[in-house]
Amino acid sequence: MRTAYRFNVFGRIYSIERTVSRWVAFLHGTDGKRGPADFVVPDFISESELEQYLYDLFHESATPTNGDVRRLD
């Protein structure tokens, strides 16, 4: 089973996918393609904690115009 979530993380778009036993992160490029993200989401992080985890991980990337992490539907 695979579940995917998309987030706008301070202006960059990431997908976090849950496979059976782990999270896999992808960065979406400006060309519409996605590639592996350069970070790991620990397996014990729950779906409800993803947004806060990404905020904590990337908070130094915040700018006056991109100051938040938002889940995209």
PDB file of N, CA and C in Angstrom:
ATOM      1  N   MET A   1       0.829  -1.173   0.000  1.00  0.00           N
ATOM      2  CA  MET A   1       0.000   0.000   0.000  1.00  0.00           C
ATOM      3  C   MET A   1       0.879   1.244   0.000  1.00  0.00           C
ATOM      4  N   ARG A   2       0.532   2.221  -0.802  1.00  0.00           N
ATOM      5  CA  ARG A   2       1.303   3.454  -0.909  1.00  0.00           C
ATOM      6  C   ARG A   2       0.357   4.640  -0.724  1.00  0.00           C
ATOM      7  N   THR A   3       0.748   5.554   0.138  1.00  0.00           N
ATOM      8  CA  THR A   3      -0.020   6.755   0.397  1.00  0.00           C
ATOM      9  C   THR A   3       0.896   7.947   0.172  1.00  0.00           C
ATOM     10  N   ALA A   4       0.413   8.972  -0.518  1.00  0.00           N
ATOM     11  CA  ALA A   4       1.245  10.133  -0.832  1.00  0.00           C
ATOM     12  C   ALA A   4       0.609  11.420  -0.313  1.00  0.00           C
ATOM     13  N   TYR A   5       1.452  12.330   0.122  1.00  0.00           N
ATOM     14  CA  TYR A   5       1.042  13.642   0.600  1.00  0.00           C
ATOM     15  C   TYR A   5       1.936  14.683  -0.054  1.00  0.00           C
ATOM     16  N   ARG A   6       1.359  15.822  -0.445  1.00  0.00           N
ATOM     17  CA  ARG A   6       2.136  16.897  -1.057  1.00  0.00           C
ATOM     18  C   ARG A   6       2.126  18.107  -0.138  1.00  0.00           C
ATOM     19  N   PHE A   7       3.270  18.788  -0.081  1.00  0.00           N
ATOM     20  CA  PHE A   7       3.421  19.945   0.783  1.00  0.00           C
ATOM     21  C   PHE A   7       4.139  21.068   0.055  1.00  0.00           C
ATOM     22  N   ASN A   8       3.715  22.295   0.330  1.00  0.00           N
ATOM     23  CA  ASN A   8       4.467  23.475  -0.063  1.00  0.00           C
ATOM     24  C   ASN A   8       5.300  23.831   1.165  1.00  0.00           C
ATOM     25  N   VAL A   9       6.604  23.667   1.033  1.00  0.00           N
ATOM     26  CA  VAL A   9       7.519  23.884   2.155  1.00  0.00           C
ATOM     27  C   VAL A   9       8.327  25.145   1.854  1.00  0.00           C
ATOM     28  N   PHE A  10       7.865  26.279   2.365  1.00  0.00           N
ATOM     29  CA  PHE A  10       8.536  27.552   2.160  1.00  0.00           C
ATOM     30  C   PHE A  10       8.805  27.809   0.679  1.00  0.00           C
ATOM     31  N   GLY A  11       7.814  27.505  -0.155  1.00  0.00           N
ATOM     32  CA  GLY A  11       7.904  27.779  -1.581  1.00  0.00           C
ATOM     33  C   GLY A  11       8.391  26.639  -2.446  1.00  0.00           C
ATOM     34  N   ARG A  12       8.816  25.542  -1.859  1.00  0.00           N
ATOM     35  CA  ARG A  12       9.243  24.370  -2.627  1.00  0.00           C
ATOM     36  C   ARG A  12       8.217  23.257  -2.422  1.00  0.00           C
ATOM     37  N   ILE A  13       7.965  22.495  -3.476  1.00  0.00           N
ATOM     38  CA  ILE A  13       6.944  21.449  -3.413  1.00  0.00           C
ATOM     39  C   ILE A  13       7.616  20.096  -3.202  1.00  0.00           C
ATOM     40  N   TYR A  14       7.149  19.392  -2.167  1.00  0.00           N
ATOM     41  CA  TYR A  14       7.646  18.059  -1.846  1.00  0.00           C
ATOM     42  C   TYR A  14       6.478  17.081  -1.791  1.00  0.00           C
ATOM     43  N   SER A  15       6.760  15.843  -2.169  1.00  0.00           N
ATOM     44  CA  SER A  15       5.832  14.733  -1.950  1.00  0.00           C
ATOM     45  C   SER A  15       6.475  13.807  -0.935  1.00  0.00           C
ATOM     46  N   ILE A  16       5.676  13.355  -0.002  1.00  0.00           N
ATOM     47  CA  ILE A  16       6.122  12.378   0.987  1.00  0.00           C
ATOM     48  C   ILE A  16       5.219  11.169   0.804  1.00  0.00           C
ATOM     49  N   GLU A  17       5.817  10.040   0.473  1.00  0.00           N
ATOM     50  CA  GLU A  17       5.036   8.828   0.224  1.00  0.00           C
ATOM     51  C   GLU A  17       5.349   7.781   1.276  1.00  0.00           C
ATOM     52  N   ARG A  18       4.283   7.133   1.719  1.00  0.00           N
ATOM     53  CA  ARG A  18       4.436   6.053   2.704  1.00  0.00           C
ATOM     54  C   ARG A  18       4.321   4.735   1.967  1.00  0.00           C
ATOM     55  N   THR A  19       5.375   3.932   2.045  1.00  0.00           N
ATOM     56  CA  THR A  19       5.299   2.570   1.552  1.00  0.00           C
ATOM     57  C   THR A  19       4.923   1.718   2.754  1.00  0.00           C
ATOM     58  N   VAL A  20       5.021   0.448   2.650  1.00  0.00           N
ATOM     59  CA  VAL A  20       4.607  -0.422   3.753  1.00  0.00           C
ATOM     60  C   VAL A  20       5.318  -0.075   5.061  1.00  0.00           C
ATOM     61  N   SER A  21       6.607   0.193   5.007  1.00  0.00           N
ATOM     62  CA  SER A  21       7.344   0.356   6.257  1.00  0.00           C
ATOM     63  C   SER A  21       8.159   1.640   6.367  1.00  0.00           C
ATOM     64  N   ARG A  22       8.114   2.526   5.346  1.00  0.00           N
ATOM     65  CA  ARG A  22       8.954   3.717   5.449  1.00  0.00           C
ATOM     66  C   ARG A  22       8.390   4.874   4.629  1.00  0.00           C
ATOM     67  N   TRP A  23       8.896   6.064   4.944  1.00  0.00           N
ATOM     68  CA  TRP A  23       8.571   7.268   4.192  1.00  0.00           C
ATOM     69  C   TRP A  23       9.628   7.490   3.128  1.00  0.00           C
ATOM     70  N   VAL A  24       9.207   7.968   1.959  1.00  0.00           N
ATOM     71  CA  VAL A  24      10.120   8.332   0.876  1.00  0.00           C
ATOM     72  C   VAL A  24       9.765   9.748   0.448  1.00  0.00           C
ATOM     73  N   ALA A  25      10.768  10.636   0.374  1.00  0.00           N
ATOM     74  CA  ALA A  25      10.536  12.041   0.058  1.00  0.00           C
ATOM     75  C   ALA A  25      11.021  12.375  -1.347  1.00  0.00           C
ATOM     76  N   PHE A  26      10.246  13.210  -2.052  1.00  0.00           N
ATOM     77  CA  PHE A  26      10.584  13.653  -3.403  1.00  0.00           C
ATOM     78  C   PHE A  26      10.450  15.163  -3.485  1.00  0.00           C
ATOM     79  N   LEU A  27      11.348  15.792  -4.242  1.00  0.00           N
ATOM     80  CA  LEU A  27      11.290  17.219  -4.532  1.00  0.00           C
ATOM     81  C   LEU A  27      10.748  17.388  -5.939  1.00  0.00           C
ATOM     82  N   HIS A  28       9.766  18.269  -6.110  1.00  0.00           N
ATOM     83  CA  HIS A  28       9.203  18.563  -7.420  1.00  0.00           C
ATOM     84  C   HIS A  28       9.954  19.749  -8.010  1.00  0.00           C
ATOM     85  N   GLY A  29      10.508  19.566  -9.207  1.00  0.00           N
ATOM     86  CA  GLY A  29      11.254  20.631  -9.865  1.00  0.00           C
ATOM     87  C   GLY A  29      10.346  21.578 -10.617  1.00  0.00           C
ATOM     88  N   THR A  30      10.912  22.680 -11.079  1.00  0.00           N
ATOM     89  CA  THR A  30      10.153  23.673 -11.838  1.00  0.00           C
ATOM     90  C   THR A  30       9.748  23.140 -13.208  1.00  0.00           C
ATOM     91  N   ASP A  31      10.403  22.076 -13.657  1.00  0.00           N
ATOM     92  CA  ASP A  31      10.075  21.466 -14.955  1.00  0.00           C
ATOM     93  C   ASP A  31       8.956  20.436 -14.845  1.00  0.00           C
ATOM     94  N   GLY A  32       8.406  20.261 -13.642  1.00  0.00           N
ATOM     95  CA  GLY A  32       7.317  19.312 -13.443  1.00  0.00           C
ATOM     96  C   GLY A  32       7.768  17.912 -13.074  1.00  0.00           C
ATOM     97  N   LYS A  33       9.070  17.677 -13.140  1.00  0.00           N
ATOM     98  CA  LYS A  33       9.590  16.355 -12.773  1.00  0.00           C
ATOM     99  C   LYS A  33       9.879  16.326 -11.284  1.00  0.00           C
ATOM    100  N   ARG A  34       9.914  15.118 -10.748  1.00  0.00           N
ATOM    101  CA  ARG A  34      10.269  14.978  -9.340  1.00  0.00           C
ATOM    102  C   ARG A  34      11.469  14.061  -9.223  1.00  0.00           C
ATOM    103  N   GLY A  35      12.252  14.322  -8.212  1.00  0.00           N
ATOM    104  CA  GLY A  35      13.435  13.514  -7.949  1.00  0.00           C
ATOM    105  C   GLY A  35      13.560  13.286  -6.463  1.00  0.00           C
ATOM    106  N   PRO A  36      14.496  12.460  -6.072  1.00  0.00           N
ATOM    107  CA  PRO A  36      14.676  12.185  -4.638  1.00  0.00           C
ATOM    108  C   PRO A  36      15.007  13.469  -3.877  1.00  0.00           C
ATOM    109  N   ALA A  37      14.412  13.628  -2.735  1.00  0.00           N
ATOM    110  CA  ALA A  37      14.721  14.771  -1.867  1.00  0.00           C
ATOM    111  C   ALA A  37      15.964  14.438  -1.058  1.00  0.00           C
ATOM    112  N   ASP A  38      16.634  15.463  -0.618  1.00  0.00           N
ATOM    113  CA  ASP A  38      17.902  15.280   0.109  1.00  0.00           C
ATOM    114  C   ASP A  38      17.694  15.283   1.624  1.00  0.00           C
ATOM    115  N   PHE A  39      16.678  14.574   2.081  1.00  0.00           N
ATOM    116  CA  PHE A  39      16.434  14.424   3.515  1.00  0.00           C
ATOM    117  C   PHE A  39      15.645  13.139   3.743  1.00  0.00           C
ATOM    118  N   VAL A  40      15.631  12.722   4.980  1.00  0.00           N
ATOM    119  CA  VAL A  40      14.947  11.484   5.368  1.00  0.00           C
ATOM    120  C   VAL A  40      13.852  11.819   6.366  1.00  0.00           C
ATOM    121  N   VAL A  41      12.714  11.181   6.197  1.00  0.00           N
ATOM    122  CA  VAL A  41      11.636  11.285   7.178  1.00  0.00           C
ATOM    123  C   VAL A  41      11.678   9.991   7.994  1.00  0.00           C
ATOM    124  N   PRO A  42      11.919  10.087   9.299  1.00  0.00           N
ATOM    125  CA  PRO A  42      11.981   8.873  10.118  1.00  0.00           C
ATOM    126  C   PRO A  42      10.679   8.073  10.043  1.00  0.00           C
ATOM    127  N   ASP A  43      10.806   6.770  10.111  1.00  0.00           N
ATOM    128  CA  ASP A  43       9.659   5.877  10.006  1.00  0.00           C
ATOM    129  C   ASP A  43       8.617   6.098  11.101  1.00  0.00           C
ATOM    130  N   PHE A  44       9.041   6.565  12.257  1.00  0.00           N
ATOM    131  CA  PHE A  44       8.106   6.713  13.378  1.00  0.00           C
ATOM    132  C   PHE A  44       7.238   7.971  13.278  1.00  0.00           C
ATOM    133  N   ILE A  45       7.527   8.860  12.322  1.00  0.00           N
ATOM    134  CA  ILE A  45       6.709  10.065  12.148  1.00  0.00           C
ATOM    135  C   ILE A  45       5.349   9.648  11.583  1.00  0.00           C
ATOM    136  N   SER A  46       4.284  10.103  12.206  1.00  0.00           N
ATOM    137  CA  SER A  46       2.946   9.767  11.713  1.00  0.00           C
ATOM    138  C   SER A  46       2.524  10.765  10.641  1.00  0.00           C
ATOM    139  N   GLU A  47       1.494  10.431   9.896  1.00  0.00           N
ATOM    140  CA  GLU A  47       0.975  11.316   8.842  1.00  0.00           C
ATOM    141  C   GLU A  47       0.588  12.668   9.426  1.00  0.00           C
ATOM    142  N   SER A  48       0.009  12.682  10.596  1.00  0.00           N
ATOM    143  CA  SER A  48      -0.432  13.938  11.213  1.00  0.00           C
ATOM    144  C   SER A  48       0.737  14.808  11.681  1.00  0.00           C
ATOM    145  N   GLU A  49       1.932  14.244  11.771  1.00  0.00           N
ATOM    146  CA  GLU A  49       3.113  14.980  12.215  1.00  0.00           C
ATOM    147  C   GLU A  49       3.992  15.471  11.065  1.00  0.00           C
ATOM    148  N   LEU A  50       3.662  15.098   9.820  1.00  0.00           N
ATOM    149  CA  LEU A  50       4.518  15.435   8.684  1.00  0.00           C
ATOM    150  C   LEU A  50       4.700  16.944   8.515  1.00  0.00           C
ATOM    151  N   GLU A  51       3.626  17.696   8.574  1.00  0.00           N
ATOM    152  CA  GLU A  51       3.703  19.144   8.369  1.00  0.00           C
ATOM    153  C   GLU A  51       4.629  19.796   9.395  1.00  0.00           C
ATOM    154  N   GLN A  52       4.490  19.437  10.646  1.00  0.00           N
ATOM    155  CA  GLN A  52       5.350  20.001  11.694  1.00  0.00           C
ATOM    156  C   GLN A  52       6.795  19.545  11.526  1.00  0.00           C
ATOM    157  N   TYR A  53       7.003  18.294  11.152  1.00  0.00           N
ATOM    158  CA  TYR A  53       8.356  17.778  10.917  1.00  0.00           C
ATOM    159  C   TYR A  53       9.050  18.584   9.809  1.00  0.00           C
ATOM    160  N   LEU A  54       8.337  18.815   8.692  1.00  0.00           N
ATOM    161  CA  LEU A  54       8.911  19.578   7.585  1.00  0.00           C
ATOM    162  C   LEU A  54       9.193  21.017   8.002  1.00  0.00           C
ATOM    163  N   TYR A  55       8.315  21.611   8.791  1.00  0.00           N
ATOM    164  CA  TYR A  55       8.545  22.961   9.302  1.00  0.00           C
ATOM    165  C   TYR A  55       9.815  22.999  10.148  1.00  0.00           C
ATOM    166  N   ASP A  56       9.935  22.064  11.065  1.00  0.00           N
ATOM    167  CA  ASP A  56      11.107  22.020  11.941  1.00  0.00           C
ATOM    168  C   ASP A  56      12.391  21.798  11.142  1.00  0.00           C
ATOM    169  N   LEU A  57      12.331  20.974  10.120  1.00  0.00           N
ATOM    170  CA  LEU A  57      13.497  20.639   9.323  1.00  0.00           C
ATOM    171  C   LEU A  57      13.954  21.812   8.454  1.00  0.00           C
ATOM    172  N   PHE A  58      13.008  22.559   7.897  1.00  0.00           N
ATOM    173  CA  PHE A  58      13.333  23.599   6.915  1.00  0.00           C
ATOM    174  C   PHE A  58      13.050  25.022   7.383  1.00  0.00           C
ATOM    175  N   HIS A  59      12.832  25.257   8.657  1.00  0.00           N
ATOM    176  CA  HIS A  59      12.446  26.584   9.131  1.00  0.00           C
ATOM    177  C   HIS A  59      13.441  27.680   8.740  1.00  0.00           C
ATOM    178  N   GLU A  60      14.694  27.351   8.529  1.00  0.00           N
ATOM    179  CA  GLU A  60      15.683  28.365   8.142  1.00  0.00           C
ATOM    180  C   GLU A  60      15.479  28.838   6.705  1.00  0.00           C
ATOM    181  N   SER A  61      14.641  28.143   5.927  1.00  0.00           N
ATOM    182  CA  SER A  61      14.341  28.535   4.547  1.00  0.00           C
ATOM    183  C   SER A  61      13.185  29.520   4.462  1.00  0.00           C
ATOM    184  N   ALA A  62      12.597  29.870   5.582  1.00  0.00           N
ATOM    185  CA  ALA A  62      11.453  30.787   5.582  1.00  0.00           C
ATOM    186  C   ALA A  62      11.874  32.168   5.098  1.00  0.00           C
ATOM    187  N   THR A  63      10.976  32.799   4.341  1.00  0.00           N
ATOM    188  CA  THR A  63      11.180  34.173   3.876  1.00  0.00           C
ATOM    189  C   THR A  63       9.917  34.962   4.199  1.00  0.00           C
ATOM    190  N   PRO A  64       9.961  36.284   4.073  1.00  0.00           N
ATOM    191  CA  PRO A  64       8.741  37.069   4.335  1.00  0.00           C
ATOM    192  C   PRO A  64       7.564  36.681   3.429  1.00  0.00           C
ATOM    193  N   THR A  65       7.847  36.219   2.218  1.00  0.00           N
ATOM    194  CA  THR A  65       6.763  35.846   1.306  1.00  0.00           C
ATOM    195  C   THR A  65       6.447  34.359   1.331  1.00  0.00           C
ATOM    196  N   ASN A  66       7.348  33.533   1.820  1.00  0.00           N
ATOM    197  CA  ASN A  66       7.124  32.086   1.944  1.00  0.00           C
ATOM    198  C   ASN A  66       7.483  31.667   3.361  1.00  0.00           C
ATOM    199  N   GLY A  67       6.589  31.939   4.292  1.00  0.00           N
ATOM    200  CA  GLY A  67       6.894  31.717   5.690  1.00  0.00           C
ATOM    201  C   GLY A  67       6.175  30.584   6.345  1.00  0.00           C
ATOM    202  N   ASP A  68       5.743  29.590   5.547  1.00  0.00           N
ATOM    203  CA  ASP A  68       4.972  28.523   6.169  1.00  0.00           C
ATOM    204  C   ASP A  68       5.087  27.211   5.373  1.00  0.00           C
ATOM    205  N   VAL A  69       4.628  26.164   6.007  1.00  0.00           N
ATOM    206  CA  VAL A  69       4.500  24.851   5.372  1.00  0.00           C
ATOM    207  C   VAL A  69       3.006  24.561   5.277  1.00  0.00           C
ATOM    208  N   ARG A  70       2.560  24.218   4.063  1.00  0.00           N
ATOM    209  CA  ARG A  70       1.134  23.927   3.865  1.00  0.00           C
ATOM    210  C   ARG A  70       0.969  22.597   3.152  1.00  0.00           C
ATOM    211  N   ARG A  71       0.038  21.835   3.625  1.00  0.00           N
ATOM    212  CA  ARG A  71      -0.307  20.599   2.925  1.00  0.00           C
ATOM    213  C   ARG A  71      -1.166  20.957   1.718  1.00  0.00           C
ATOM    214  N   LEU A  72      -0.849  20.358   0.578  1.00  0.00           N
ATOM    215  CA  LEU A  72      -1.600  20.600  -0.652  1.00  0.00           C
ATOM    216  C   LEU A  72      -2.529  19.426  -0.897  1.00  0.00           C
ATOM    217  N   ASP A  73      -3.746  19.713  -1.293  1.00  0.00           N
ATOM    218  CA  ASP A  73      -4.707  18.625  -1.564  1.00  0.00           C
ATOM    219  C   ASP A  73      -4.732  18.269  -3.023  1.00  0.00           C
TER     220      ASP A  73
END
